[in-house]
Protein backbone atom coordinates (compact mmCIF):
# COMPACT_ATOMS: atom_id res chain seq x y z
CA MET A 1 2.94 5.08 -14.03
CA THR A 2 3.45 1.22 -13.80
CA THR A 3 2.36 -1.37 -11.70
CA ASP A 4 5.66 -2.47 -11.00
CA GLU A 5 6.75 1.41 -9.89
CA ILE A 6 3.56 1.48 -7.78
CA ARG A 7 4.88 -1.98 -5.86
CA ASP A 8 8.18 -0.68 -5.33
CA THR A 9 6.75 3.22 -4.15
CA LEU A 10 4.83 0.88 -1.69
CA ALA A 11 7.58 -1.45 -0.49
CA LYS A 12 9.33 1.82 -0.26
CA ILE A 13 6.69 3.50 2.44
CA LEU A 14 6.05 -0.53 3.66
CA VAL A 15 9.32 -0.29 4.84
CA GLU A 16 10.18 3.70 5.90
CA LYS A 17 7.07 5.02 7.40
CA ILE A 18 5.11 2.12 8.12
CA ASN A 19 7.62 -0.67 9.31
CA SER A 20 11.40 -0.49 9.66
CA THR A 21 12.05 -3.64 10.45
CA ILE A 22 11.35 -5.48 7.25
CA ALA A 23 13.64 -5.00 4.18
CA VAL A 24 12.38 -3.12 1.14
CA ASP A 25 13.73 -6.75 -0.87
CA GLN A 26 11.40 -8.65 1.73
CA VAL A 27 8.24 -6.63 0.35
CA ASP A 28 7.00 -8.59 -2.88
CA TRP A 29 3.36 -9.28 -4.67
CA ASP A 30 1.99 -11.67 -3.19
CA SER A 31 3.57 -10.26 0.49
CA THR A 32 0.41 -10.20 3.81
CA LEU A 33 0.52 -7.01 4.67
CA ARG A 34 -0.67 -8.29 8.47
CA ASP A 35 1.37 -11.58 8.44
CA ASP A 36 4.05 -11.07 6.15
CA LEU A 37 4.66 -7.45 6.83
CA GLY A 38 3.49 -7.08 10.28
CA ILE A 39 0.96 -4.27 9.98
CA ASP A 40 -1.53 -4.19 12.60
CA SER A 41 -4.55 -2.01 12.44
CA LEU A 42 -3.26 1.16 13.16
CA GLY A 43 -0.84 0.70 10.57
CA ALA A 44 -3.47 -0.51 8.22
CA ALA A 45 -4.56 3.10 8.33
CA GLU A 46 -1.21 4.84 8.39
CA LEU A 47 -0.76 3.07 5.03
CA LEU A 48 -4.04 4.45 3.50
CA PHE A 49 -3.29 7.95 4.80
CA GLU A 50 0.57 7.84 2.91
CA ILE A 51 -0.60 5.84 0.40
CA GLU A 52 -3.34 9.03 -0.78
CA GLU A 53 -0.57 11.60 0.40
CA THR A 54 2.19 9.59 -1.71
CA PHE A 55 0.03 8.93 -4.73
CA GLY A 56 -2.58 11.49 -5.46
CA ALA A 57 -5.22 8.46 -5.51
CA GLN A 58 -8.52 8.70 -3.64
CA ILE A 59 -8.86 5.39 -1.97
CA GLY A 60 -10.73 6.32 1.07
CA THR A 61 -13.53 4.18 -0.15
CA VAL A 62 -11.23 1.10 0.27
CA ASP A 63 -11.65 -0.66 3.93
CA ALA A 64 -8.38 -1.40 5.06
CA THR A 65 -9.21 -5.21 5.47
CA SER A 66 -9.84 -5.37 2.49
CA LEU A 67 -6.42 -4.65 1.09
CA VAL A 68 -4.57 -8.37 2.33
CA THR A 69 -1.88 -8.79 -0.12
CA VAL A 70 0.28 -6.31 -1.64
CA ARG A 71 -1.28 -6.74 -5.03
CA ASP A 72 -4.63 -5.89 -3.49
CA ALA A 73 -2.62 -2.37 -2.35
CA VAL A 74 -1.35 -2.09 -5.68
CA THR A 75 -4.47 -2.88 -7.33
CA ALA A 76 -6.13 -0.14 -5.11
CA ILE A 77 -3.74 2.44 -6.11
CA SER A 78 -3.81 1.88 -9.81
CA ARG A 79 -7.72 1.84 -10.00
CA GLY A 80 -7.43 4.81 -7.59
CA LEU A 81 -4.93 6.70 -10.03
CA GLN A 82 -6.88 6.16 -12.79
CA SER A 83 -10.75 7.56 -11.95
CA PRO A 84 -11.36 11.26 -11.67
CA ALA A 85 -10.54 13.65 -8.56
CA ALA A 86 -13.97 14.06 -7.19
């Protein structure tokens, strides 16, 4: 899966499951999860769950506060997809 495909899927998750007040086209690489997209701490926890469910990426060791932008989340997902399952 390419990083663009990951970003597109992540944008859909953000809109459909986390924050329905934004549109997919508002989600870009440098959108901040908290300030631009309105993701609070509960939303961040939900996002981590949805990422693991959707992508099968094991990113459970990632601290949700380290995911500041969409780019950060895509990087974490990409790394999780490349890591062998334990």
